Amino acid sequence: MLLTAERSSPADEARQSTPRAAAGAIDPQPLYRKLCEPCHGPDGKTPDPSMGFAARTWKHGTSTADITKTITTGVQATAMLPFKGKLTDSEIAAIARYVRSLDPRLKPEKTGGGS
């Protein structure tokens, strides 16, 4: 009998290793640690200012929608690969909100309307 092991994605492993804060809620921190931290550093702080999130110049926009787009589609000609199809839309949105929260200079976004 031949046994094969199913391969899990890094996102699957991160999801399985951390309990959710509330039913249906996604904790973005384990996903960030596994998928983002190697390049962007802990808490968005990295020696390369072009890759950090904390108190830096944002190249692709600072709104949650902008950050979601960057995570979803990646950035052509850079190491930032797209996560569409690797993470759910909810996981991407949770990571985007988390990444945005790492820059203390950004004011909270207004909710319930236009941008």
PDB file of N, CA and C in Angstrom:
ATOM      1  N   MET A   1       0.848  -1.172   0.000  1.00  0.00           N
ATOM      2  CA  MET A   1       0.000   0.000   0.000  1.00  0.00           C
ATOM      3  C   MET A   1       0.895   1.237   0.000  1.00  0.00           C
ATOM      4  N   LEU A   2       0.582   2.186  -0.837  1.00  0.00           N
ATOM      5  CA  LEU A   2       1.351   3.411  -0.947  1.00  0.00           C
ATOM      6  C   LEU A   2       0.608   4.513  -0.203  1.00  0.00           C
ATOM      7  N   LEU A   3       1.285   5.140   0.731  1.00  0.00           N
ATOM      8  CA  LEU A   3       0.694   6.244   1.479  1.00  0.00           C
ATOM      9  C   LEU A   3       1.265   7.546   0.953  1.00  0.00           C
ATOM     10  N   THR A   4       0.417   8.513   0.784  1.00  0.00           N
ATOM     11  CA  THR A   4       0.884   9.825   0.355  1.00  0.00           C
ATOM     12  C   THR A   4       0.452  10.837   1.393  1.00  0.00           C
ATOM     13  N   ALA A   5       1.287  11.787   1.589  1.00  0.00           N
ATOM     14  CA  ALA A   5       0.967  12.844   2.550  1.00  0.00           C
ATOM     15  C   ALA A   5       0.402  14.032   1.791  1.00  0.00           C
ATOM     16  N   GLU A   6      -0.662  14.585   2.318  1.00  0.00           N
ATOM     17  CA  GLU A   6      -1.205  15.795   1.726  1.00  0.00           C
ATOM     18  C   GLU A   6      -0.320  16.952   2.140  1.00  0.00           C
ATOM     19  N   ARG A   7      -0.042  17.804   1.195  1.00  0.00           N
ATOM     20  CA  ARG A   7       0.755  18.988   1.509  1.00  0.00           C
ATOM     21  C   ARG A   7      -0.191  20.115   1.889  1.00  0.00           C
ATOM     22  N   SER A   8       0.134  20.775   2.953  1.00  0.00           N
ATOM     23  CA  SER A   8      -0.672  21.922   3.346  1.00  0.00           C
ATOM     24  C   SER A   8       0.096  23.189   2.994  1.00  0.00           C
ATOM     25  N   SER A   9      -0.637  24.231   2.739  1.00  0.00           N
ATOM     26  CA  SER A   9      -0.017  25.509   2.408  1.00  0.00           C
ATOM     27  C   SER A   9       0.434  26.196   3.698  1.00  0.00           C
ATOM     28  N   PRO A  10       1.321  27.188   3.579  1.00  0.00           N
ATOM     29  CA  PRO A  10       1.714  27.943   4.772  1.00  0.00           C
ATOM     30  C   PRO A  10       0.519  28.583   5.462  1.00  0.00           C
ATOM     31  N   ALA A  11      -0.453  29.035   4.676  1.00  0.00           N
ATOM     32  CA  ALA A  11      -1.640  29.639   5.283  1.00  0.00           C
ATOM     33  C   ALA A  11      -2.426  28.606   6.076  1.00  0.00           C
ATOM     34  N   ASP A  12      -2.553  27.377   5.526  1.00  0.00           N
ATOM     35  CA  ASP A  12      -3.250  26.312   6.245  1.00  0.00           C
ATOM     36  C   ASP A  12      -2.551  26.022   7.564  1.00  0.00           C
ATOM     37  N   GLU A  13      -1.227  25.938   7.536  1.00  0.00           N
ATOM     38  CA  GLU A  13      -0.466  25.647   8.755  1.00  0.00           C
ATOM     39  C   GLU A  13      -0.629  26.759   9.778  1.00  0.00           C
ATOM     40  N   ALA A  14      -0.586  28.009   9.335  1.00  0.00           N
ATOM     41  CA  ALA A  14      -0.752  29.137  10.257  1.00  0.00           C
ATOM     42  C   ALA A  14      -2.147  29.135  10.862  1.00  0.00           C
ATOM     43  N   ARG A  15      -3.160  28.831  10.033  1.00  0.00           N
ATOM     44  CA  ARG A  15      -4.537  28.805  10.541  1.00  0.00           C
ATOM     45  C   ARG A  15      -4.705  27.706  11.580  1.00  0.00           C
ATOM     46  N   GLN A  16      -4.080  26.561  11.370  1.00  0.00           N
ATOM     47  CA  GLN A  16      -4.240  25.436  12.275  1.00  0.00           C
ATOM     48  C   GLN A  16      -3.482  25.636  13.578  1.00  0.00           C
ATOM     49  N   SER A  17      -2.447  26.449  13.562  1.00  0.00           N
ATOM     50  CA  SER A  17      -1.599  26.580  14.744  1.00  0.00           C
ATOM     51  C   SER A  17      -2.098  27.612  15.749  1.00  0.00           C
ATOM     52  N   THR A  18      -3.074  28.437  15.380  1.00  0.00           N
ATOM     53  CA  THR A  18      -3.536  29.488  16.265  1.00  0.00           C
ATOM     54  C   THR A  18      -5.049  29.481  16.352  1.00  0.00           C
ATOM     55  N   PRO A  19      -5.604  29.479  17.573  1.00  0.00           N
ATOM     56  CA  PRO A  19      -7.054  29.539  17.695  1.00  0.00           C
ATOM     57  C   PRO A  19      -7.581  30.902  17.261  1.00  0.00           C
ATOM     58  N   ARG A  20      -8.790  30.934  16.786  1.00  0.00           N
ATOM     59  CA  ARG A  20      -9.423  32.188  16.363  1.00  0.00           C
ATOM     60  C   ARG A  20      -9.871  32.964  17.595  1.00  0.00           C
ATOM     61  N   ALA A  21      -9.811  34.281  17.505  1.00  0.00           N
ATOM     62  CA  ALA A  21     -10.209  35.129  18.623  1.00  0.00           C
ATOM     63  C   ALA A  21     -11.698  34.978  18.916  1.00  0.00           C
ATOM     64  N   ALA A  22     -12.494  34.880  17.892  1.00  0.00           N
ATOM     65  CA  ALA A  22     -13.933  34.682  18.045  1.00  0.00           C
ATOM     66  C   ALA A  22     -14.400  33.848  16.863  1.00  0.00           C
ATOM     67  N   ALA A  23     -15.555  33.252  17.019  1.00  0.00           N
ATOM     68  CA  ALA A  23     -16.076  32.405  15.942  1.00  0.00           C
ATOM     69  C   ALA A  23     -16.132  33.207  14.647  1.00  0.00           C
ATOM     70  N   GLY A  24     -15.489  32.712  13.616  1.00  0.00           N
ATOM     71  CA  GLY A  24     -15.497  33.372  12.321  1.00  0.00           C
ATOM     72  C   GLY A  24     -14.454  34.463  12.159  1.00  0.00           C
ATOM     73  N   ALA A  25     -13.854  34.923  13.252  1.00  0.00           N
ATOM     74  CA  ALA A  25     -12.845  35.968  13.162  1.00  0.00           C
ATOM     75  C   ALA A  25     -11.515  35.367  12.727  1.00  0.00           C
ATOM     76  N   ILE A  26     -10.771  36.136  11.965  1.00  0.00           N
ATOM     77  CA  ILE A  26      -9.465  35.677  11.510  1.00  0.00           C
ATOM     78  C   ILE A  26      -8.403  36.458  12.262  1.00  0.00           C
ATOM     79  N   ASP A  27      -7.508  35.749  12.904  1.00  0.00           N
ATOM     80  CA  ASP A  27      -6.377  36.369  13.584  1.00  0.00           C
ATOM     81  C   ASP A  27      -5.270  36.523  12.546  1.00  0.00           C
ATOM     82  N   PRO A  28      -4.962  37.749  12.126  1.00  0.00           N
ATOM     83  CA  PRO A  28      -3.981  37.930  11.064  1.00  0.00           C
ATOM     84  C   PRO A  28      -2.534  37.739  11.520  1.00  0.00           C
ATOM     85  N   GLN A  29      -2.282  37.791  12.803  1.00  0.00           N
ATOM     86  CA  GLN A  29      -0.899  37.752  13.271  1.00  0.00           C
ATOM     87  C   GLN A  29      -0.151  36.476  12.899  1.00  0.00           C
ATOM     88  N   PRO A  30      -0.728  35.285  13.070  1.00  0.00           N
ATOM     89  CA  PRO A  30       0.035  34.104  12.661  1.00  0.00           C
ATOM     90  C   PRO A  30       0.265  34.048  11.152  1.00  0.00           C
ATOM     91  N   LEU A  31      -0.696  34.513  10.377  1.00  0.00           N
ATOM     92  CA  LEU A  31      -0.506  34.568   8.928  1.00  0.00           C
ATOM     93  C   LEU A  31       0.602  35.558   8.587  1.00  0.00           C
ATOM     94  N   TYR A  32       0.579  36.727   9.232  1.00  0.00           N
ATOM     95  CA  TYR A  32       1.628  37.728   9.009  1.00  0.00           C
ATOM     96  C   TYR A  32       3.000  37.151   9.357  1.00  0.00           C
ATOM     97  N   ARG A  33       3.084  36.528  10.544  1.00  0.00           N
ATOM     98  CA  ARG A  33       4.380  35.973  10.969  1.00  0.00           C
ATOM     99  C   ARG A  33       4.907  34.966   9.960  1.00  0.00           C
ATOM    100  N   LYS A  34       4.045  34.116   9.461  1.00  0.00           N
ATOM    101  CA  LYS A  34       4.470  33.047   8.552  1.00  0.00           C
ATOM    102  C   LYS A  34       4.746  33.554   7.136  1.00  0.00           C
ATOM    103  N   LEU A  35       3.890  34.429   6.631  1.00  0.00           N
ATOM    104  CA  LEU A  35       3.953  34.801   5.228  1.00  0.00           C
ATOM    105  C   LEU A  35       4.583  36.157   4.940  1.00  0.00           C
ATOM    106  N   CYS A  36       4.516  37.086   5.868  1.00  0.00           N
ATOM    107  CA  CYS A  36       4.941  38.457   5.611  1.00  0.00           C
ATOM    108  C   CYS A  36       6.220  38.851   6.353  1.00  0.00           C
ATOM    109  N   GLU A  37       6.312  38.388   7.591  1.00  0.00           N
ATOM    110  CA  GLU A  37       7.430  38.787   8.445  1.00  0.00           C
ATOM    111  C   GLU A  37       8.806  38.488   7.856  1.00  0.00           C
ATOM    112  N   PRO A  38       9.004  37.381   7.138  1.00  0.00           N
ATOM    113  CA  PRO A  38      10.347  37.137   6.592  1.00  0.00           C
ATOM    114  C   PRO A  38      10.885  38.296   5.746  1.00  0.00           C
ATOM    115  N   CYS A  39      10.022  38.993   5.024  1.00  0.00           N
ATOM    116  CA  CYS A  39      10.474  40.127   4.208  1.00  0.00           C
ATOM    117  C   CYS A  39      10.222  41.481   4.879  1.00  0.00           C
ATOM    118  N   HIS A  40       9.074  41.602   5.556  1.00  0.00           N
ATOM    119  CA  HIS A  40       8.648  42.899   6.077  1.00  0.00           C
ATOM    120  C   HIS A  40       9.005  43.115   7.540  1.00  0.00           C
ATOM    121  N   GLY A  41       9.534  42.094   8.197  1.00  0.00           N
ATOM    122  CA  GLY A  41      10.012  42.230   9.560  1.00  0.00           C
ATOM    123  C   GLY A  41       8.918  42.162  10.606  1.00  0.00           C
ATOM    124  N   PRO A  42       9.351  41.887  11.860  1.00  0.00           N
ATOM    125  CA  PRO A  42       8.390  41.866  12.959  1.00  0.00           C
ATOM    126  C   PRO A  42       7.776  43.258  13.132  1.00  0.00           C
ATOM    127  N   ASP A  43       6.488  43.304  13.294  1.00  0.00           N
ATOM    128  CA  ASP A  43       5.770  44.569  13.483  1.00  0.00           C
ATOM    129  C   ASP A  43       6.016  45.561  12.352  1.00  0.00           C
ATOM    130  N   GLY A  44       6.353  45.062  11.164  1.00  0.00           N
ATOM    131  CA  GLY A  44       6.551  45.932  10.013  1.00  0.00           C
ATOM    132  C   GLY A  44       7.833  46.725  10.046  1.00  0.00           C
ATOM    133  N   LYS A  45       8.754  46.320  10.920  1.00  0.00           N
ATOM    134  CA  LYS A  45      10.029  47.034  11.055  1.00  0.00           C
ATOM    135  C   LYS A  45      11.136  46.171  10.466  1.00  0.00           C
ATOM    136  N   THR A  46      11.800  46.692   9.466  1.00  0.00           N
ATOM    137  CA  THR A  46      12.885  45.980   8.819  1.00  0.00           C
ATOM    138  C   THR A  46      13.994  46.968   8.484  1.00  0.00           C
ATOM    139  N   PRO A  47      15.238  46.514   8.444  1.00  0.00           N
ATOM    140  CA  PRO A  47      16.334  47.431   8.111  1.00  0.00           C
ATOM    141  C   PRO A  47      16.180  48.064   6.717  1.00  0.00           C
ATOM    142  N   ASP A  48      15.466  47.400   5.825  1.00  0.00           N
ATOM    143  CA  ASP A  48      15.243  47.942   4.479  1.00  0.00           C
ATOM    144  C   ASP A  48      13.973  48.782   4.503  1.00  0.00           C
ATOM    145  N   PRO A  49      14.100  50.113   4.507  1.00  0.00           N
ATOM    146  CA  PRO A  49      12.915  50.960   4.625  1.00  0.00           C
ATOM    147  C   PRO A  49      11.922  50.792   3.477  1.00  0.00           C
ATOM    148  N   SER A  50      12.364  50.268   2.359  1.00  0.00           N
ATOM    149  CA  SER A  50      11.430  50.081   1.244  1.00  0.00           C
ATOM    150  C   SER A  50      10.490  48.910   1.482  1.00  0.00           C
ATOM    151  N   MET A  51      10.784  48.080   2.498  1.00  0.00           N
ATOM    152  CA  MET A  51       9.954  46.910   2.760  1.00  0.00           C
ATOM    153  C   MET A  51       9.249  46.956   4.113  1.00  0.00           C
ATOM    154  N   GLY A  52       9.498  47.978   4.905  1.00  0.00           N
ATOM    155  CA  GLY A  52       8.864  48.090   6.214  1.00  0.00           C
ATOM    156  C   GLY A  52       7.535  48.816   6.132  1.00  0.00           C
ATOM    157  N   PHE A  53       6.742  48.693   7.180  1.00  0.00           N
ATOM    158  CA  PHE A  53       5.439  49.358   7.229  1.00  0.00           C
ATOM    159  C   PHE A  53       5.407  50.463   8.276  1.00  0.00           C
ATOM    160  N   ALA A  54       6.225  50.380   9.274  1.00  0.00           N
ATOM    161  CA  ALA A  54       6.166  51.318  10.389  1.00  0.00           C
ATOM    162  C   ALA A  54       6.891  52.614  10.027  1.00  0.00           C
ATOM    163  N   ALA A  55       6.146  53.710   9.999  1.00  0.00           N
ATOM    164  CA  ALA A  55       6.690  55.047   9.772  1.00  0.00           C
ATOM    165  C   ALA A  55       7.541  55.125   8.501  1.00  0.00           C
ATOM    166  N   ARG A  56       6.972  54.684   7.410  1.00  0.00           N
ATOM    167  CA  ARG A  56       7.684  54.736   6.138  1.00  0.00           C
ATOM    168  C   ARG A  56       6.829  55.410   5.081  1.00  0.00           C
ATOM    169  N   THR A  57       7.399  55.625   3.928  1.00  0.00           N
ATOM    170  CA  THR A  57       6.637  56.152   2.808  1.00  0.00           C
ATOM    171  C   THR A  57       5.983  54.973   2.103  1.00  0.00           C
ATOM    172  N   TRP A  58       4.681  55.007   2.010  1.00  0.00           N
ATOM    173  CA  TRP A  58       3.925  53.923   1.389  1.00  0.00           C
ATOM    174  C   TRP A  58       3.897  54.145  -0.116  1.00  0.00           C
ATOM    175  N   LYS A  59       4.345  53.189  -0.889  1.00  0.00           N
ATOM    176  CA  LYS A  59       4.416  53.314  -2.347  1.00  0.00           C
ATOM    177  C   LYS A  59       3.103  52.979  -3.049  1.00  0.00           C
ATOM    178  N   HIS A  60       2.284  52.139  -2.439  1.00  0.00           N
ATOM    179  CA  HIS A  60       1.106  51.617  -3.129  1.00  0.00           C
ATOM    180  C   HIS A  60      -0.200  51.994  -2.448  1.00  0.00           C
ATOM    181  N   GLY A  61      -0.177  53.031  -1.616  1.00  0.00           N
ATOM    182  CA  GLY A  61      -1.383  53.514  -0.951  1.00  0.00           C
ATOM    183  C   GLY A  61      -1.495  53.027   0.478  1.00  0.00           C
ATOM    184  N   THR A  62      -2.192  53.827   1.289  1.00  0.00           N
ATOM    185  CA  THR A  62      -2.308  53.524   2.711  1.00  0.00           C
ATOM    186  C   THR A  62      -3.690  53.073   3.144  1.00  0.00           C
ATOM    187  N   SER A  63      -4.655  53.087   2.243  1.00  0.00           N
ATOM    188  CA  SER A  63      -5.988  52.640   2.644  1.00  0.00           C
ATOM    189  C   SER A  63      -5.996  51.115   2.725  1.00  0.00           C
ATOM    190  N   THR A  64      -6.933  50.601   3.499  1.00  0.00           N
ATOM    191  CA  THR A  64      -7.074  49.148   3.585  1.00  0.00           C
ATOM    192  C   THR A  64      -7.335  48.564   2.195  1.00  0.00           C
ATOM    193  N   ALA A  65      -8.111  49.273   1.375  1.00  0.00           N
ATOM    194  CA  ALA A  65      -8.386  48.803   0.010  1.00  0.00           C
ATOM    195  C   ALA A  65      -7.101  48.735  -0.818  1.00  0.00           C
ATOM    196  N   ASP A  66      -6.237  49.754  -0.684  1.00  0.00           N
ATOM    197  CA  ASP A  66      -4.965  49.756  -1.414  1.00  0.00           C
ATOM    198  C   ASP A  66      -4.083  48.592  -0.974  1.00  0.00           C
ATOM    199  N   ILE A  67      -4.007  48.378   0.318  1.00  0.00           N
ATOM    200  CA  ILE A  67      -3.153  47.317   0.861  1.00  0.00           C
ATOM    201  C   ILE A  67      -3.716  45.951   0.471  1.00  0.00           C
ATOM    202  N   THR A  68      -5.028  45.820   0.495  1.00  0.00           N
ATOM    203  CA  THR A  68      -5.664  44.575   0.068  1.00  0.00           C
ATOM    204  C   THR A  68      -5.316  44.276  -1.385  1.00  0.00           C
ATOM    205  N   LYS A  69      -5.368  45.287  -2.231  1.00  0.00           N
ATOM    206  CA  LYS A  69      -5.025  45.100  -3.653  1.00  0.00           C
ATOM    207  C   LYS A  69      -3.579  44.658  -3.800  1.00  0.00           C
ATOM    208  N   THR A  70      -2.669  45.269  -3.054  1.00  0.00           N
ATOM    209  CA  THR A  70      -1.257  44.908  -3.136  1.00  0.00           C
ATOM    210  C   THR A  70      -1.036  43.463  -2.717  1.00  0.00           C
ATOM    211  N   ILE A  71      -1.676  43.046  -1.627  1.00  0.00           N
ATOM    212  CA  ILE A  71      -1.535  41.665  -1.167  1.00  0.00           C
ATOM    213  C   ILE A  71      -2.157  40.707  -2.180  1.00  0.00           C
ATOM    214  N   THR A  72      -3.287  41.084  -2.725  1.00  0.00           N
ATOM    215  CA  THR A  72      -3.998  40.217  -3.663  1.00  0.00           C
ATOM    216  C   THR A  72      -3.248  40.041  -4.974  1.00  0.00           C
ATOM    217  N   THR A  73      -2.793  41.137  -5.555  1.00  0.00           N
ATOM    218  CA  THR A  73      -2.193  41.091  -6.892  1.00  0.00           C
ATOM    219  C   THR A  73      -0.674  41.093  -6.900  1.00  0.00           C
ATOM    220  N   GLY A  74      -0.052  41.397  -5.760  1.00  0.00           N
ATOM    221  CA  GLY A  74       1.397  41.497  -5.713  1.00  0.00           C
ATOM    222  C   GLY A  74       1.875  42.776  -6.378  1.00  0.00           C
ATOM    223  N   VAL A  75       3.182  42.896  -6.500  1.00  0.00           N
ATOM    224  CA  VAL A  75       3.781  44.069  -7.146  1.00  0.00           C
ATOM    225  C   VAL A  75       4.748  43.557  -8.207  1.00  0.00           C
ATOM    226  N   GLN A  76       4.415  43.838  -9.444  1.00  0.00           N
ATOM    227  CA  GLN A  76       5.212  43.358 -10.570  1.00  0.00           C
ATOM    228  C   GLN A  76       6.663  43.819 -10.453  1.00  0.00           C
ATOM    229  N   ALA A  77       7.581  42.953 -10.828  1.00  0.00           N
ATOM    230  CA  ALA A  77       9.029  43.213 -10.841  1.00  0.00           C
ATOM    231  C   ALA A  77       9.616  43.404  -9.443  1.00  0.00           C
ATOM    232  N   THR A  78       8.930  42.853  -8.421  1.00  0.00           N
ATOM    233  CA  THR A  78       9.465  42.874  -7.059  1.00  0.00           C
ATOM    234  C   THR A  78       9.296  41.478  -6.464  1.00  0.00           C
ATOM    235  N   ALA A  79       9.752  41.324  -5.249  1.00  0.00           N
ATOM    236  CA  ALA A  79       9.596  40.047  -4.545  1.00  0.00           C
ATOM    237  C   ALA A  79       8.186  39.871  -3.980  1.00  0.00           C
ATOM    238  N   MET A  80       7.345  40.907  -4.069  1.00  0.00           N
ATOM    239  CA  MET A  80       5.984  40.823  -3.538  1.00  0.00           C
ATOM    240  C   MET A  80       5.105  40.070  -4.528  1.00  0.00           C
ATOM    241  N   LEU A  81       4.873  38.808  -4.203  1.00  0.00           N
ATOM    242  CA  LEU A  81       4.059  37.944  -5.059  1.00  0.00           C
ATOM    243  C   LEU A  81       2.582  38.066  -4.710  1.00  0.00           C
ATOM    244  N   PRO A  82       1.691  37.726  -5.628  1.00  0.00           N
ATOM    245  CA  PRO A  82       0.260  37.793  -5.328  1.00  0.00           C
ATOM    246  C   PRO A  82      -0.176  36.646  -4.421  1.00  0.00           C
ATOM    247  N   PHE A  83      -1.098  36.952  -3.522  1.00  0.00           N
ATOM    248  CA  PHE A  83      -1.644  35.932  -2.629  1.00  0.00           C
ATOM    249  C   PHE A  83      -3.052  35.509  -3.031  1.00  0.00           C
ATOM    250  N   LYS A  84      -3.552  36.032  -4.151  1.00  0.00           N
ATOM    251  CA  LYS A  84      -4.857  35.594  -4.652  1.00  0.00           C
ATOM    252  C   LYS A  84      -4.780  34.107  -4.953  1.00  0.00           C
ATOM    253  N   GLY A  85      -5.739  33.363  -4.446  1.00  0.00           N
ATOM    254  CA  GLY A  85      -5.767  31.925  -4.648  1.00  0.00           C
ATOM    255  C   GLY A  85      -4.969  31.158  -3.603  1.00  0.00           C
ATOM    256  N   LYS A  86      -4.123  31.848  -2.852  1.00  0.00           N
ATOM    257  CA  LYS A  86      -3.346  31.215  -1.781  1.00  0.00           C
ATOM    258  C   LYS A  86      -3.982  31.496  -0.420  1.00  0.00           C
ATOM    259  N   LEU A  87      -4.656  32.631  -0.324  1.00  0.00           N
ATOM    260  CA  LEU A  87      -5.367  33.032   0.888  1.00  0.00           C
ATOM    261  C   LEU A  87      -6.800  33.380   0.499  1.00  0.00           C
ATOM    262  N   THR A  88      -7.699  33.272   1.439  1.00  0.00           N
ATOM    263  CA  THR A  88      -9.077  33.681   1.170  1.00  0.00           C
ATOM    264  C   THR A  88      -9.158  35.204   1.172  1.00  0.00           C
ATOM    265  N   ASP A  89     -10.237  35.728   0.598  1.00  0.00           N
ATOM    266  CA  ASP A  89     -10.447  37.177   0.619  1.00  0.00           C
ATOM    267  C   ASP A  89     -10.485  37.700   2.054  1.00  0.00           C
ATOM    268  N   SER A  90     -11.084  36.940   2.953  1.00  0.00           N
ATOM    269  CA  SER A  90     -11.171  37.349   4.361  1.00  0.00           C
ATOM    270  C   SER A  90      -9.794  37.381   5.016  1.00  0.00           C
ATOM    271  N   GLU A  91      -8.963  36.410   4.698  1.00  0.00           N
ATOM    272  CA  GLU A  91      -7.606  36.395   5.250  1.00  0.00           C
ATOM    273  C   GLU A  91      -6.795  37.580   4.727  1.00  0.00           C
ATOM    274  N   ILE A  92      -6.924  37.858   3.437  1.00  0.00           N
ATOM    275  CA  ILE A  92      -6.206  38.999   2.855  1.00  0.00           C
ATOM    276  C   ILE A  92      -6.674  40.292   3.502  1.00  0.00           C
ATOM    277  N   ALA A  93      -7.983  40.457   3.680  1.00  0.00           N
ATOM    278  CA  ALA A  93      -8.519  41.669   4.305  1.00  0.00           C
ATOM    279  C   ALA A  93      -8.018  41.816   5.739  1.00  0.00           C
ATOM    280  N   ALA A  94      -7.969  40.717   6.476  1.00  0.00           N
ATOM    281  CA  ALA A  94      -7.487  40.764   7.862  1.00  0.00           C
ATOM    282  C   ALA A  94      -6.013  41.157   7.910  1.00  0.00           C
ATOM    283  N   ILE A  95      -5.209  40.600   7.019  1.00  0.00           N
ATOM    284  CA  ILE A  95      -3.791  40.960   6.974  1.00  0.00           C
ATOM    285  C   ILE A  95      -3.635  42.420   6.575  1.00  0.00           C
ATOM    286  N   ALA A  96      -4.423  42.889   5.620  1.00  0.00           N
ATOM    287  CA  ALA A  96      -4.343  44.289   5.189  1.00  0.00           C
ATOM    288  C   ALA A  96      -4.625  45.240   6.351  1.00  0.00           C
ATOM    289  N   ARG A  97      -5.674  44.942   7.116  1.00  0.00           N
ATOM    290  CA  ARG A  97      -5.982  45.794   8.285  1.00  0.00           C
ATOM    291  C   ARG A  97      -4.838  45.757   9.295  1.00  0.00           C
ATOM    292  N   TYR A  98      -4.283  44.573   9.504  1.00  0.00           N
ATOM    293  CA  TYR A  98      -3.178  44.425  10.454  1.00  0.00           C
ATOM    294  C   TYR A  98      -1.952  45.208   9.982  1.00  0.00           C
ATOM    295  N   VAL A  99      -1.591  45.032   8.719  1.00  0.00           N
ATOM    296  CA  VAL A  99      -0.423  45.737   8.168  1.00  0.00           C
ATOM    297  C   VAL A  99      -0.603  47.246   8.316  1.00  0.00           C
ATOM    298  N   ARG A 100      -1.787  47.733   8.013  1.00  0.00           N
ATOM    299  CA  ARG A 100      -2.047  49.170   8.133  1.00  0.00           C
ATOM    300  C   ARG A 100      -1.888  49.630   9.577  1.00  0.00           C
ATOM    301  N   SER A 101      -2.276  48.797  10.516  1.00  0.00           N
ATOM    302  CA  SER A 101      -2.197  49.167  11.935  1.00  0.00           C
ATOM    303  C   SER A 101      -0.759  49.270  12.429  1.00  0.00           C
ATOM    304  N   LEU A 102       0.185  48.742  11.680  1.00  0.00           N
ATOM    305  CA  LEU A 102       1.582  48.765  12.107  1.00  0.00           C
ATOM    306  C   LEU A 102       2.237  50.132  11.941  1.00  0.00           C
ATOM    307  N   ASP A 103       1.613  51.018  11.190  1.00  0.00           N
ATOM    308  CA  ASP A 103       2.167  52.367  11.016  1.00  0.00           C
ATOM    309  C   ASP A 103       1.425  53.322  11.942  1.00  0.00           C
ATOM    310  N   PRO A 104       2.070  53.760  13.016  1.00  0.00           N
ATOM    311  CA  PRO A 104       1.390  54.613  13.996  1.00  0.00           C
ATOM    312  C   PRO A 104       1.023  55.992  13.451  1.00  0.00           C
ATOM    313  N   ARG A 105       1.584  56.377  12.318  1.00  0.00           N
ATOM    314  CA  ARG A 105       1.274  57.691  11.746  1.00  0.00           C
ATOM    315  C   ARG A 105      -0.080  57.727  11.048  1.00  0.00           C
ATOM    316  N   LEU A 106      -0.604  56.559  10.676  1.00  0.00           N
ATOM    317  CA  LEU A 106      -1.860  56.523   9.936  1.00  0.00           C
ATOM    318  C   LEU A 106      -3.045  56.681  10.880  1.00  0.00           C
ATOM    319  N   LYS A 107      -3.944  57.566  10.501  1.00  0.00           N
ATOM    320  CA  LYS A 107      -5.162  57.765  11.285  1.00  0.00           C
ATOM    321  C   LYS A 107      -6.138  56.640  10.970  1.00  0.00           C
ATOM    322  N   PRO A 108      -6.994  56.288  11.922  1.00  0.00           N
ATOM    323  CA  PRO A 108      -8.008  55.258  11.643  1.00  0.00           C
ATOM    324  C   PRO A 108      -8.859  55.672  10.443  1.00  0.00           C
ATOM    325  N   GLU A 109      -9.231  54.686   9.650  1.00  0.00           N
ATOM    326  CA  GLU A 109     -10.083  54.966   8.494  1.00  0.00           C
ATOM    327  C   GLU A 109     -11.516  55.171   8.945  1.00  0.00           C
ATOM    328  N   LYS A 110     -12.212  56.032   8.218  1.00  0.00           N
ATOM    329  CA  LYS A 110     -13.637  56.228   8.484  1.00  0.00           C
ATOM    330  C   LYS A 110     -14.378  55.034   7.958  1.00  0.00           C
ATOM    331  N   THR A 111     -15.430  54.635   8.656  1.00  0.00           N
ATOM    332  CA  THR A 111     -16.222  53.492   8.238  1.00  0.00           C
ATOM    333  C   THR A 111     -17.599  53.955   7.799  1.00  0.00           C
ATOM    334  N   GLY A 112     -18.265  53.068   7.061  1.00  0.00           N
ATOM    335  CA  GLY A 112     -19.649  53.308   6.690  1.00  0.00           C
ATOM    336  C   GLY A 112     -19.859  54.313   5.595  1.00  0.00           C
ATOM    337  N   GLY A 113     -18.945  54.336   4.623  1.00  0.00           N
ATOM    338  CA  GLY A 113     -19.209  55.264   3.527  1.00  0.00           C
ATOM    339  C   GLY A 113     -18.062  55.321   2.570  1.00  0.00           C
ATOM    340  N   GLY A 114     -17.896  56.481   1.960  1.00  0.00           N
ATOM    341  CA  GLY A 114     -16.878  56.678   0.923  1.00  0.00           C
ATOM    342  C   GLY A 114     -15.481  56.644   1.470  1.00  0.00           C
ATOM    343  N   SER A 115     -14.535  56.753   0.552  1.00  0.00           N
ATOM    344  CA  SER A 115     -13.140  56.683   0.971  1.00  0.00           C
ATOM    345  C   SER A 115     -12.516  58.039   1.139  1.00  0.00           C
TER     346      SER A 115
END
